[in-house]
Amino acid sequence: MKTLSAGETLAKLKELEDVYIFIHRSPDGDCIGGGYALHLLLKDMGIRSIVCCGDPIPAMYESLTEGVEFEDFPPKCFVSVDVADRGLLGALNDEYPDCEIALCIDHHISNTGYAKENFWSPDASAACEMMFRLLAENRIPLTEQMVRCLYIGIATDTGCFKFSNAGADAFAAVAEMKRQFPDLPYAKINRELFDLKSHGRIRMDARLMEQMRISESGKVALIYLPAVWMTELSVTKEETDGMANLPMQILGVEVGITVKQQENGEYRVSMRAGENADVSAICSHFGGGGHVKAGGCSIYEGEPEAVCQMLMEVAEAMLDA
């Protein structure tokens, strides 16, 4: 996989025009923040760009999208942000099946090298940390909106700095952001992203915890969210962000699995790891990937009970291997 330095990446970006920025389906704070930060950078460089996603952007990230208006133009170049595999593009793959991704900005260890060139480091906590590195190493001044994008991305992918991927560079990036923009409401952002929940989401969490499956060893825990619960409890799709951390609240659990049934019968799976597990490897077994401590995959068919049992058995076997 051809990997560029920060300087080479900036030079590459300067060569592009009329750019479509692809972010992954089921968008989170990191891909949205990284995509919109790149849009702001390209705009400052006089390059037109549009952030494209196969799914709607959740309302909880409206502070990143509010006031942003994209020009309507056909693409000449494609760049991806926080996308480890083309399969994660979802509906964008159907719309642009043959497009060449000129550049990928990413941090996933499971990146498949699908792009022509890459600004990639598996040691980075987030794609937004990679974007901060791109700006800092090229001495490009930060703006308040860029900082909002980058902070939300790093905070999201580190679990508000609780995950082990929150390394020194992540803290150094945030320290510099706070130094330059001390009045950005960081605490308010954290509370809105990680603490506040609707009544429906609270009731859903209670159901999920009550029906949680735990393996005999106590090392694997799984929660299953039937699609019908979303309607019953009036919970929106975006409100389920962060749900993957629920199984990891159980003492002794090394692999936490969250299975969300989709209306089309697909199962979207998120995994989290404790001290001694690599969920990227487990997710790769099912065609997914991610980080050592956080990964995901999709299961496209099967009855719920069989799918959940299969996931738990494979996780338990790979954990003990």
C-alpha atoms as a PDB file:
ATOM      1  CA  MET A   1       0.000   0.000   0.000  1.00  0.00           C
ATOM      2  CA  LYS A   2       1.468   3.335  -1.066  1.00  0.00           C
ATOM      3  CA  THR A   3       1.531   5.657   1.943  1.00  0.00           C
ATOM      4  CA  LEU A   4       2.227   9.386   1.661  1.00  0.00           C
ATOM      5  CA  SER A   5       3.742  11.805   4.151  1.00  0.00           C
ATOM      6  CA  ALA A   6       1.779  14.860   5.294  1.00  0.00           C
ATOM      7  CA  GLY A   7       3.675  17.023   2.809  1.00  0.00           C
ATOM      8  CA  GLU A   8       3.092  14.615  -0.055  1.00  0.00           C
ATOM      9  CA  THR A   9      -0.597  14.383   0.863  1.00  0.00           C
ATOM     10  CA  LEU A  10      -1.019  18.147   0.727  1.00  0.00           C
ATOM     11  CA  ALA A  11       0.741  18.223  -2.652  1.00  0.00           C
ATOM     12  CA  LYS A  12      -1.613  15.502  -3.879  1.00  0.00           C
ATOM     13  CA  LEU A  13      -4.676  17.423  -2.684  1.00  0.00           C
ATOM     14  CA  LYS A  14      -3.498  20.521  -4.545  1.00  0.00           C
ATOM     15  CA  GLU A  15      -3.567  18.504  -7.798  1.00  0.00           C
ATOM     16  CA  LEU A  16      -7.241  17.597  -7.406  1.00  0.00           C
ATOM     17  CA  GLU A  17     -10.353  19.394  -8.627  1.00  0.00           C
ATOM     18  CA  ASP A  18     -14.099  18.911  -8.220  1.00  0.00           C
ATOM     19  CA  VAL A  19     -13.703  16.386  -5.442  1.00  0.00           C
ATOM     20  CA  TYR A  20     -16.283  14.034  -3.967  1.00  0.00           C
ATOM     21  CA  ILE A  21     -15.286  13.132  -0.395  1.00  0.00           C
ATOM     22  CA  PHE A  22     -16.602   9.682   0.531  1.00  0.00           C
ATOM     23  CA  ILE A  23     -17.269   8.711   4.157  1.00  0.00           C
ATOM     24  CA  HIS A  24     -18.551   5.355   5.390  1.00  0.00           C
ATOM     25  CA  ARG A  25     -22.144   4.253   5.816  1.00  0.00           C
ATOM     26  CA  SER A  26     -23.660   4.504   9.319  1.00  0.00           C
ATOM     27  CA  PRO A  27     -21.583   7.674   9.720  1.00  0.00           C
ATOM     28  CA  ASP A  28     -20.012   8.514  13.076  1.00  0.00           C
ATOM     29  CA  GLY A  29     -18.282  11.587  14.454  1.00  0.00           C
ATOM     30  CA  ASP A  30     -14.878  10.639  13.080  1.00  0.00           C
ATOM     31  CA  CYS A  31     -15.800  10.141   9.428  1.00  0.00           C
ATOM     32  CA  ILE A  32     -18.154  13.150   9.463  1.00  0.00           C
ATOM     33  CA  GLY A  33     -15.656  15.376  11.268  1.00  0.00           C
ATOM     34  CA  GLY A  34     -12.800  14.247   9.029  1.00  0.00           C
ATOM     35  CA  GLY A  35     -14.833  14.613   5.848  1.00  0.00           C
ATOM     36  CA  TYR A  36     -16.046  18.096   6.692  1.00  0.00           C
ATOM     37  CA  ALA A  37     -12.599  19.208   7.903  1.00  0.00           C
ATOM     38  CA  LEU A  38     -11.180  18.115   4.547  1.00  0.00           C
ATOM     39  CA  HIS A  39     -13.973  20.015   2.765  1.00  0.00           C
ATOM     40  CA  LEU A  40     -13.018  23.165   4.698  1.00  0.00           C
ATOM     41  CA  LEU A  41      -9.345  22.687   3.817  1.00  0.00           C
ATOM     42  CA  LEU A  42     -10.092  22.197   0.118  1.00  0.00           C
ATOM     43  CA  LYS A  43     -12.401  25.214   0.132  1.00  0.00           C
ATOM     44  CA  ASP A  44      -9.593  27.362   1.542  1.00  0.00           C
ATOM     45  CA  MET A  45      -7.409  26.043  -1.279  1.00  0.00           C
ATOM     46  CA  GLY A  46      -9.995  27.065  -3.875  1.00  0.00           C
ATOM     47  CA  ILE A  47     -10.987  23.474  -4.673  1.00  0.00           C
ATOM     48  CA  ARG A  48     -14.663  22.522  -4.882  1.00  0.00           C
ATOM     49  CA  SER A  49     -15.736  19.463  -2.889  1.00  0.00           C
ATOM     50  CA  ILE A  50     -18.817  17.651  -1.612  1.00  0.00           C
ATOM     51  CA  VAL A  51     -18.993  15.272   1.366  1.00  0.00           C
ATOM     52  CA  CYS A  52     -20.921  12.156   0.290  1.00  0.00           C
ATOM     53  CA  CYS A  53     -22.394   9.410   2.467  1.00  0.00           C
ATOM     54  CA  GLY A  54     -24.586   6.410   1.671  1.00  0.00           C
ATOM     55  CA  ASP A  55     -26.677   7.062   4.799  1.00  0.00           C
ATOM     56  CA  PRO A  56     -28.136  10.277   6.260  1.00  0.00           C
ATOM     57  CA  ILE A  57     -25.921  12.306   8.606  1.00  0.00           C
ATOM     58  CA  PRO A  58     -27.321  11.995  12.170  1.00  0.00           C
ATOM     59  CA  ALA A  59     -28.855  15.150  13.613  1.00  0.00           C
ATOM     60  CA  MET A  60     -26.534  14.925  16.625  1.00  0.00           C
ATOM     61  CA  TYR A  61     -23.713  16.093  14.325  1.00  0.00           C
ATOM     62  CA  GLU A  62     -25.572  19.096  12.944  1.00  0.00           C
ATOM     63  CA  SER A  63     -22.972  21.435  14.476  1.00  0.00           C
ATOM     64  CA  LEU A  64     -20.579  20.059  11.819  1.00  0.00           C
ATOM     65  CA  THR A  65     -22.971  20.327   8.887  1.00  0.00           C
ATOM     66  CA  GLU A  66     -25.003  23.419   9.788  1.00  0.00           C
ATOM     67  CA  GLY A  67     -24.510  26.240   7.324  1.00  0.00           C
ATOM     68  CA  VAL A  68     -22.439  24.134   4.916  1.00  0.00           C
ATOM     69  CA  GLU A  69     -23.719  24.427   1.357  1.00  0.00           C
ATOM     70  CA  PHE A  70     -22.233  22.313  -1.406  1.00  0.00           C
ATOM     71  CA  GLU A  71     -22.135  23.405  -5.022  1.00  0.00           C
ATOM     72  CA  ASP A  72     -23.727  21.021  -7.500  1.00  0.00           C
ATOM     73  CA  PHE A  73     -21.096  19.647  -9.878  1.00  0.00           C
ATOM     74  CA  PRO A  74     -20.099  16.292 -11.403  1.00  0.00           C
ATOM     75  CA  PRO A  75     -17.028  14.721  -9.781  1.00  0.00           C
ATOM     76  CA  LYS A  76     -13.600  14.620 -11.359  1.00  0.00           C
ATOM     77  CA  CYS A  77     -11.796  13.092  -8.350  1.00  0.00           C
ATOM     78  CA  PHE A  78     -12.709  10.897  -5.393  1.00  0.00           C
ATOM     79  CA  VAL A  79     -11.171  10.905  -1.903  1.00  0.00           C
ATOM     80  CA  SER A  80     -12.211   8.790   1.083  1.00  0.00           C
ATOM     81  CA  VAL A  81     -11.937   9.608   4.779  1.00  0.00           C
ATOM     82  CA  ASP A  82     -12.103   7.004   7.578  1.00  0.00           C
ATOM     83  CA  VAL A  83     -13.035   4.217   5.151  1.00  0.00           C
ATOM     84  CA  ALA A  84     -11.004   1.025   5.606  1.00  0.00           C
ATOM     85  CA  ASP A  85     -12.699  -0.929   2.821  1.00  0.00           C
ATOM     86  CA  ARG A  86     -14.798   0.021  -0.206  1.00  0.00           C
ATOM     87  CA  GLY A  87     -17.528  -2.267   1.075  1.00  0.00           C
ATOM     88  CA  LEU A  88     -18.117   0.216   3.899  1.00  0.00           C
ATOM     89  CA  LEU A  89     -19.271   2.851   1.420  1.00  0.00           C
ATOM     90  CA  GLY A  90     -22.695   1.213   1.210  1.00  0.00           C
ATOM     91  CA  ALA A  91     -24.977   2.860  -1.345  1.00  0.00           C
ATOM     92  CA  LEU A  92     -22.095   4.949  -2.747  1.00  0.00           C
ATOM     93  CA  ASN A  93     -20.615   1.752  -4.174  1.00  0.00           C
ATOM     94  CA  ASP A  94     -23.805   1.210  -6.152  1.00  0.00           C
ATOM     95  CA  GLU A  95     -23.853   4.802  -7.370  1.00  0.00           C
ATOM     96  CA  TYR A  96     -20.151   4.950  -8.293  1.00  0.00           C
ATOM     97  CA  PRO A  97     -19.121   1.296  -8.783  1.00  0.00           C
ATOM     98  CA  ASP A  98     -16.140   1.942 -11.053  1.00  0.00           C
ATOM     99  CA  CYS A  99     -14.702   5.137  -9.600  1.00  0.00           C
ATOM    100  CA  GLU A 100     -11.035   5.206  -8.606  1.00  0.00           C
ATOM    101  CA  ILE A 101     -10.329   6.520  -5.112  1.00  0.00           C
ATOM    102  CA  ALA A 102      -7.336   8.787  -5.667  1.00  0.00           C
ATOM    103  CA  LEU A 103      -6.542   9.226  -1.975  1.00  0.00           C
ATOM    104  CA  CYS A 104      -7.631   7.594   1.284  1.00  0.00           C
ATOM    105  CA  ILE A 105      -7.144   9.318   4.640  1.00  0.00           C
ATOM    106  CA  ASP A 106      -7.514   6.637   7.284  1.00  0.00           C
ATOM    107  CA  HIS A 107      -6.228   5.071  10.486  1.00  0.00           C
ATOM    108  CA  HIS A 108      -7.691   1.550  10.514  1.00  0.00           C
ATOM    109  CA  ILE A 109      -5.219  -1.306  10.763  1.00  0.00           C
ATOM    110  CA  SER A 110      -7.610  -3.313   8.573  1.00  0.00           C
ATOM    111  CA  ASN A 111      -7.362  -0.896   5.628  1.00  0.00           C
ATOM    112  CA  THR A 112      -7.365  -2.982   2.438  1.00  0.00           C
ATOM    113  CA  GLY A 113      -5.285  -0.580   0.341  1.00  0.00           C
ATOM    114  CA  TYR A 114      -8.086  -0.046  -2.191  1.00  0.00           C
ATOM    115  CA  ALA A 115      -7.115   3.595  -2.892  1.00  0.00           C
ATOM    116  CA  LYS A 116      -4.424   4.652  -5.340  1.00  0.00           C
ATOM    117  CA  GLU A 117      -2.553   6.528  -2.593  1.00  0.00           C
ATOM    118  CA  ASN A 118      -2.994   6.754   1.163  1.00  0.00           C
ATOM    119  CA  PHE A 119      -2.351   9.054   4.079  1.00  0.00           C
ATOM    120  CA  TRP A 120      -2.590   6.298   6.653  1.00  0.00           C
ATOM    121  CA  SER A 121      -1.276   5.362  10.081  1.00  0.00           C
ATOM    122  CA  PRO A 122      -2.689   2.526  12.214  1.00  0.00           C
ATOM    123  CA  ASP A 123      -1.186   4.198  15.279  1.00  0.00           C
ATOM    124  CA  ALA A 124      -3.483   7.209  15.008  1.00  0.00           C
ATOM    125  CA  SER A 125      -6.573   7.269  17.203  1.00  0.00           C
ATOM    126  CA  ALA A 126      -8.851   8.636  14.498  1.00  0.00           C
ATOM    127  CA  ALA A 127      -9.034   9.860  10.938  1.00  0.00           C
ATOM    128  CA  CYS A 128      -9.435  13.289  12.498  1.00  0.00           C
ATOM    129  CA  GLU A 129      -6.063  12.847  14.198  1.00  0.00           C
ATOM    130  CA  MET A 130      -4.643  12.187  10.724  1.00  0.00           C
ATOM    131  CA  MET A 131      -6.326  15.376   9.495  1.00  0.00           C
ATOM    132  CA  PHE A 132      -4.838  17.320  12.426  1.00  0.00           C
ATOM    133  CA  ARG A 133      -1.410  15.887  11.535  1.00  0.00           C
ATOM    134  CA  LEU A 134      -1.897  16.954   7.908  1.00  0.00           C
ATOM    135  CA  LEU A 135      -2.681  20.503   8.969  1.00  0.00           C
ATOM    136  CA  ALA A 136      -0.045  20.776  11.703  1.00  0.00           C
ATOM    137  CA  GLU A 137       2.866  19.322   9.745  1.00  0.00           C
ATOM    138  CA  ASN A 138       2.101  21.616   6.816  1.00  0.00           C
ATOM    139  CA  ARG A 139       1.677  24.617   9.142  1.00  0.00           C
ATOM    140  CA  ILE A 140      -1.854  25.277   7.936  1.00  0.00           C
ATOM    141  CA  PRO A 141      -3.718  27.514  10.425  1.00  0.00           C
ATOM    142  CA  LEU A 142      -6.672  25.976  12.227  1.00  0.00           C
ATOM    143  CA  THR A 143     -10.108  27.583  12.178  1.00  0.00           C
ATOM    144  CA  GLU A 144     -12.740  27.245  14.882  1.00  0.00           C
ATOM    145  CA  GLN A 145     -14.975  25.080  12.674  1.00  0.00           C
ATOM    146  CA  MET A 146     -12.044  22.844  11.730  1.00  0.00           C
ATOM    147  CA  VAL A 147     -11.293  22.374  15.414  1.00  0.00           C
ATOM    148  CA  ARG A 148     -14.929  21.493  16.142  1.00  0.00           C
ATOM    149  CA  CYS A 149     -14.787  18.856  13.397  1.00  0.00           C
ATOM    150  CA  LEU A 150     -11.461  17.404  14.534  1.00  0.00           C
ATOM    151  CA  TYR A 151     -12.273  17.418  18.243  1.00  0.00           C
ATOM    152  CA  ILE A 152     -15.586  15.620  17.741  1.00  0.00           C
ATOM    153  CA  GLY A 153     -13.877  13.032  15.541  1.00  0.00           C
ATOM    154  CA  ILE A 154     -11.097  12.272  18.002  1.00  0.00           C
ATOM    155  CA  ALA A 155     -13.465  12.271  20.988  1.00  0.00           C
ATOM    156  CA  THR A 156     -15.850   9.910  19.190  1.00  0.00           C
ATOM    157  CA  ASP A 157     -13.253   7.352  18.147  1.00  0.00           C
ATOM    158  CA  THR A 158     -11.556   7.296  21.555  1.00  0.00           C
ATOM    159  CA  GLY A 159     -14.809   6.935  23.496  1.00  0.00           C
ATOM    160  CA  CYS A 160     -14.280  10.387  24.978  1.00  0.00           C
ATOM    161  CA  PHE A 161     -10.630   9.412  25.602  1.00  0.00           C
ATOM    162  CA  LYS A 162     -11.466   6.212  27.506  1.00  0.00           C
ATOM    163  CA  PHE A 163     -10.241   3.746  24.858  1.00  0.00           C
ATOM    164  CA  SER A 164      -6.658   2.489  24.681  1.00  0.00           C
ATOM    165  CA  ASN A 165      -6.206   4.037  21.220  1.00  0.00           C
ATOM    166  CA  ALA A 166      -6.159   7.500  22.846  1.00  0.00           C
ATOM    167  CA  GLY A 167      -2.403   7.882  22.567  1.00  0.00           C
ATOM    168  CA  ALA A 168      -0.080  10.762  23.288  1.00  0.00           C
ATOM    169  CA  ASP A 169      -0.589  12.264  19.828  1.00  0.00           C
ATOM    170  CA  ALA A 170      -4.360  12.376  20.357  1.00  0.00           C
ATOM    171  CA  PHE A 171      -3.968  14.250  23.646  1.00  0.00           C
ATOM    172  CA  ALA A 172      -1.337  16.536  22.121  1.00  0.00           C
ATOM    173  CA  ALA A 173      -3.683  17.377  19.235  1.00  0.00           C
ATOM    174  CA  VAL A 174      -6.539  18.207  21.596  1.00  0.00           C
ATOM    175  CA  ALA A 175      -4.207  20.243  23.836  1.00  0.00           C
ATOM    176  CA  GLU A 176      -3.203  22.357  20.853  1.00  0.00           C
ATOM    177  CA  MET A 177      -6.826  22.807  19.803  1.00  0.00           C
ATOM    178  CA  LYS A 178      -7.776  23.933  23.295  1.00  0.00           C
ATOM    179  CA  ARG A 179      -4.790  26.239  23.440  1.00  0.00           C
ATOM    180  CA  GLN A 180      -5.769  27.974  20.227  1.00  0.00           C
ATOM    181  CA  PHE A 181      -9.553  27.890  20.733  1.00  0.00           C
ATOM    182  CA  PRO A 182     -10.196  27.802  24.493  1.00  0.00           C
ATOM    183  CA  ASP A 183     -13.764  29.101  24.154  1.00  0.00           C
ATOM    184  CA  LEU A 184     -15.088  26.179  22.126  1.00  0.00           C
ATOM    185  CA  PRO A 185     -17.604  24.437  24.474  1.00  0.00           C
ATOM    186  CA  TYR A 186     -15.720  21.142  24.799  1.00  0.00           C
ATOM    187  CA  ALA A 187     -17.554  20.017  27.954  1.00  0.00           C
ATOM    188  CA  LYS A 188     -20.946  20.766  26.375  1.00  0.00           C
ATOM    189  CA  ILE A 189     -19.956  18.823  23.257  1.00  0.00           C
ATOM    190  CA  ASN A 190     -18.910  15.838  25.388  1.00  0.00           C
ATOM    191  CA  ARG A 191     -22.165  15.827  27.353  1.00  0.00           C
ATOM    192  CA  GLU A 192     -24.316  16.052  24.229  1.00  0.00           C
ATOM    193  CA  LEU A 193     -22.392  13.287  22.447  1.00  0.00           C
ATOM    194  CA  PHE A 194     -21.822  10.820  25.268  1.00  0.00           C
ATOM    195  CA  ASP A 195     -24.214  11.420  28.164  1.00  0.00           C
ATOM    196  CA  LEU A 196     -27.615  12.671  27.058  1.00  0.00           C
ATOM    197  CA  LYS A 197     -30.211  10.053  26.048  1.00  0.00           C
ATOM    198  CA  SER A 198     -33.904  10.153  25.203  1.00  0.00           C
ATOM    199  CA  HIS A 199     -36.518   8.378  27.346  1.00  0.00           C
ATOM    200  CA  GLY A 200     -36.853   5.767  24.602  1.00  0.00           C
ATOM    201  CA  ARG A 201     -33.117   5.084  24.524  1.00  0.00           C
ATOM    202  CA  ILE A 202     -33.037   4.681  28.315  1.00  0.00           C
ATOM    203  CA  ARG A 203     -35.852   2.107  28.117  1.00  0.00           C
ATOM    204  CA  MET A 204     -34.059   0.360  25.267  1.00  0.00           C
ATOM    205  CA  ASP A 205     -30.824   0.135  27.271  1.00  0.00           C
ATOM    206  CA  ALA A 206     -32.770  -1.447  30.133  1.00  0.00           C
ATOM    207  CA  ARG A 207     -34.236  -4.088  27.814  1.00  0.00           C
ATOM    208  CA  LEU A 208     -30.864  -4.821  26.237  1.00  0.00           C
ATOM    209  CA  MET A 209     -29.108  -5.210  29.585  1.00  0.00           C
ATOM    210  CA  GLU A 210     -31.875  -7.434  30.913  1.00  0.00           C
ATOM    211  CA  GLN A 211     -31.644  -9.744  27.884  1.00  0.00           C
ATOM    212  CA  MET A 212     -27.865  -9.704  27.515  1.00  0.00           C
ATOM    213  CA  ARG A 213     -26.238 -13.040  26.655  1.00  0.00           C
ATOM    214  CA  ILE A 214     -23.025 -13.932  28.476  1.00  0.00           C
ATOM    215  CA  SER A 215     -20.826 -16.919  27.611  1.00  0.00           C
ATOM    216  CA  GLU A 216     -20.038 -19.642  30.138  1.00  0.00           C
ATOM    217  CA  SER A 217     -16.548 -18.244  30.620  1.00  0.00           C
ATOM    218  CA  GLY A 218     -17.983 -14.784  31.269  1.00  0.00           C
ATOM    219  CA  LYS A 219     -15.560 -13.341  28.713  1.00  0.00           C
ATOM    220  CA  VAL A 220     -18.011 -12.725  25.854  1.00  0.00           C
ATOM    221  CA  ALA A 221     -21.211 -10.702  26.180  1.00  0.00           C
ATOM    222  CA  LEU A 222     -23.730  -9.935  23.443  1.00  0.00           C
ATOM    223  CA  ILE A 223     -26.744  -7.668  23.122  1.00  0.00           C
ATOM    224  CA  TYR A 224     -29.220  -8.012  20.270  1.00  0.00           C
ATOM    225  CA  LEU A 225     -31.407  -5.157  19.048  1.00  0.00           C
ATOM    226  CA  PRO A 226     -34.429  -6.279  16.964  1.00  0.00           C
ATOM    227  CA  ALA A 227     -35.416  -3.758  14.310  1.00  0.00           C
ATOM    228  CA  VAL A 228     -38.975  -3.621  15.674  1.00  0.00           C
ATOM    229  CA  TRP A 229     -37.765  -2.156  18.982  1.00  0.00           C
ATOM    230  CA  MET A 230     -36.804   1.053  17.201  1.00  0.00           C
ATOM    231  CA  THR A 231     -40.457   1.677  16.325  1.00  0.00           C
ATOM    232  CA  GLU A 232     -41.878   0.393  19.613  1.00  0.00           C
ATOM    233  CA  LEU A 233     -39.683   2.710  21.690  1.00  0.00           C
ATOM    234  CA  SER A 234     -39.618   5.644  19.219  1.00  0.00           C
ATOM    235  CA  VAL A 235     -35.808   5.537  19.010  1.00  0.00           C
ATOM    236  CA  THR A 236     -34.047   6.883  15.933  1.00  0.00           C
ATOM    237  CA  LYS A 237     -31.127   5.097  14.302  1.00  0.00           C
ATOM    238  CA  GLU A 238     -28.707   7.826  15.315  1.00  0.00           C
ATOM    239  CA  GLU A 239     -29.635   7.394  18.981  1.00  0.00           C
ATOM    240  CA  THR A 240     -28.110   3.910  18.978  1.00  0.00           C
ATOM    241  CA  ASP A 241     -24.593   5.367  18.678  1.00  0.00           C
ATOM    242  CA  GLY A 242     -22.547   4.337  21.702  1.00  0.00           C
ATOM    243  CA  MET A 243     -24.699   1.279  22.352  1.00  0.00           C
ATOM    244  CA  ALA A 244     -21.724  -0.969  21.558  1.00  0.00           C
ATOM    245  CA  ASN A 245     -20.133  -0.018  24.874  1.00  0.00           C
ATOM    246  CA  LEU A 246     -22.949  -1.530  26.968  1.00  0.00           C
ATOM    247  CA  PRO A 247     -21.604  -5.141  27.070  1.00  0.00           C
ATOM    248  CA  MET A 248     -18.190  -3.851  28.186  1.00  0.00           C
ATOM    249  CA  GLN A 249     -19.725  -2.588  31.418  1.00  0.00           C
ATOM    250  CA  ILE A 250     -19.857  -6.192  32.684  1.00  0.00           C
ATOM    251  CA  LEU A 251     -16.918  -7.146  34.901  1.00  0.00           C
ATOM    252  CA  GLY A 252     -14.734  -9.808  33.287  1.00  0.00           C
ATOM    253  CA  VAL A 253     -15.987  -9.329  29.728  1.00  0.00           C
ATOM    254  CA  GLU A 254     -13.203  -9.279  27.132  1.00  0.00           C
ATOM    255  CA  VAL A 255     -15.345  -9.149  23.971  1.00  0.00           C
ATOM    256  CA  GLY A 256     -18.554  -7.121  23.823  1.00  0.00           C
ATOM    257  CA  ILE A 257     -20.784  -7.727  20.799  1.00  0.00           C
ATOM    258  CA  THR A 258     -23.706  -5.573  19.680  1.00  0.00           C
ATOM    259  CA  VAL A 259     -25.991  -6.919  16.944  1.00  0.00           C
ATOM    260  CA  LYS A 260     -28.425  -4.500  15.309  1.00  0.00           C
ATOM    261  CA  GLN A 261     -31.039  -6.024  13.033  1.00  0.00           C
ATOM    262  CA  GLN A 262     -31.816  -3.891   9.972  1.00  0.00           C
ATOM    263  CA  GLU A 263     -35.195  -3.634   8.287  1.00  0.00           C
ATOM    264  CA  ASN A 264     -33.834  -5.488   5.238  1.00  0.00           C
ATOM    265  CA  GLY A 265     -32.796  -8.476   7.377  1.00  0.00           C
ATOM    266  CA  GLU A 266     -29.107  -7.594   7.528  1.00  0.00           C
ATOM    267  CA  TYR A 267     -27.327  -7.601  10.902  1.00  0.00           C
ATOM    268  CA  ARG A 268     -24.808  -4.855  11.615  1.00  0.00           C
ATOM    269  CA  VAL A 269     -22.351  -5.974  14.251  1.00  0.00           C
ATOM    270  CA  SER A 270     -20.114  -3.839  16.461  1.00  0.00           C
ATOM    271  CA  MET A 271     -17.466  -5.292  18.753  1.00  0.00           C
ATOM    272  CA  ARG A 272     -15.438  -3.848  21.595  1.00  0.00           C
ATOM    273  CA  ALA A 273     -12.470  -5.420  23.372  1.00  0.00           C
ATOM    274  CA  GLY A 274     -11.034  -5.487  26.850  1.00  0.00           C
ATOM    275  CA  GLU A 275      -7.366  -5.888  27.722  1.00  0.00           C
ATOM    276  CA  ASN A 276      -6.711  -9.258  26.075  1.00  0.00           C
ATOM    277  CA  ALA A 277      -8.778  -9.354  22.894  1.00  0.00           C
ATOM    278  CA  ASP A 278      -8.365  -8.290  19.264  1.00  0.00           C
ATOM    279  CA  VAL A 279     -11.819  -7.696  17.821  1.00  0.00           C
ATOM    280  CA  SER A 280     -10.396  -6.559  14.487  1.00  0.00           C
ATOM    281  CA  ALA A 281      -9.332 -10.174  13.924  1.00  0.00           C
ATOM    282  CA  ILE A 282     -12.752 -11.485  14.973  1.00  0.00           C
ATOM    283  CA  CYS A 283     -14.558  -9.033  12.688  1.00  0.00           C
ATOM    284  CA  SER A 284     -12.203  -9.908   9.826  1.00  0.00           C
ATOM    285  CA  HIS A 285     -13.405 -13.508  10.165  1.00  0.00           C
ATOM    286  CA  PHE A 286     -16.818 -12.208   9.060  1.00  0.00           C
ATOM    287  CA  GLY A 287     -15.497  -9.927   6.324  1.00  0.00           C
ATOM    288  CA  GLY A 288     -15.277  -6.812   8.497  1.00  0.00           C
ATOM    289  CA  GLY A 289     -12.415  -5.157  10.351  1.00  0.00           C
ATOM    290  CA  GLY A 290     -11.531  -2.095  12.380  1.00  0.00           C
ATOM    291  CA  HIS A 291      -9.186  -1.574  15.302  1.00  0.00           C
ATOM    292  CA  VAL A 292      -7.783  -4.009  17.841  1.00  0.00           C
ATOM    293  CA  LYS A 293     -10.201  -2.672  20.465  1.00  0.00           C
ATOM    294  CA  ALA A 294     -13.134  -1.642  18.256  1.00  0.00           C
ATOM    295  CA  GLY A 295     -14.382  -3.269  15.071  1.00  0.00           C
ATOM    296  CA  GLY A 296     -17.430  -4.121  13.037  1.00  0.00           C
ATOM    297  CA  CYS A 297     -18.866  -6.389  10.366  1.00  0.00           C
ATOM    298  CA  SER A 298     -22.155  -7.307   8.705  1.00  0.00           C
ATOM    299  CA  ILE A 299     -24.049 -10.590   8.582  1.00  0.00           C
ATOM    300  CA  TYR A 300     -26.437 -10.714   5.658  1.00  0.00           C
ATOM    301  CA  GLU A 301     -28.667 -13.681   6.435  1.00  0.00           C
ATOM    302  CA  GLY A 302     -29.759 -16.062   9.171  1.00  0.00           C
ATOM    303  CA  GLU A 303     -32.216 -16.251  12.032  1.00  0.00           C
ATOM    304  CA  PRO A 304     -31.411 -13.951  14.975  1.00  0.00           C
ATOM    305  CA  GLU A 305     -30.747 -16.765  17.447  1.00  0.00           C
ATOM    306  CA  ALA A 306     -28.400 -18.574  15.062  1.00  0.00           C
ATOM    307  CA  VAL A 307     -26.527 -15.374  14.164  1.00  0.00           C
ATOM    308  CA  CYS A 308     -26.023 -14.392  17.806  1.00  0.00           C
ATOM    309  CA  GLN A 309     -24.908 -17.902  18.768  1.00  0.00           C
ATOM    310  CA  MET A 310     -22.441 -18.032  15.864  1.00  0.00           C
ATOM    311  CA  LEU A 311     -20.920 -14.684  16.787  1.00  0.00           C
ATOM    312  CA  MET A 312     -20.476 -15.690  20.417  1.00  0.00           C
ATOM    313  CA  GLU A 313     -18.940 -19.053  19.546  1.00  0.00           C
ATOM    314  CA  VAL A 314     -16.445 -17.590  17.090  1.00  0.00           C
ATOM    315  CA  ALA A 315     -15.504 -14.792  19.501  1.00  0.00           C
ATOM    316  CA  GLU A 316     -14.982 -17.284  22.342  1.00  0.00           C
ATOM    317  CA  ALA A 317     -12.896 -19.606  20.141  1.00  0.00           C
ATOM    318  CA  MET A 318     -10.686 -16.811  18.781  1.00  0.00           C
ATOM    319  CA  LEU A 319     -10.286 -15.319  22.249  1.00  0.00           C
ATOM    320  CA  ASP A 320      -8.934 -18.624  23.565  1.00  0.00           C
ATOM    321  CA  ALA A 321      -6.773 -19.331  20.494  1.00  0.00           C
END
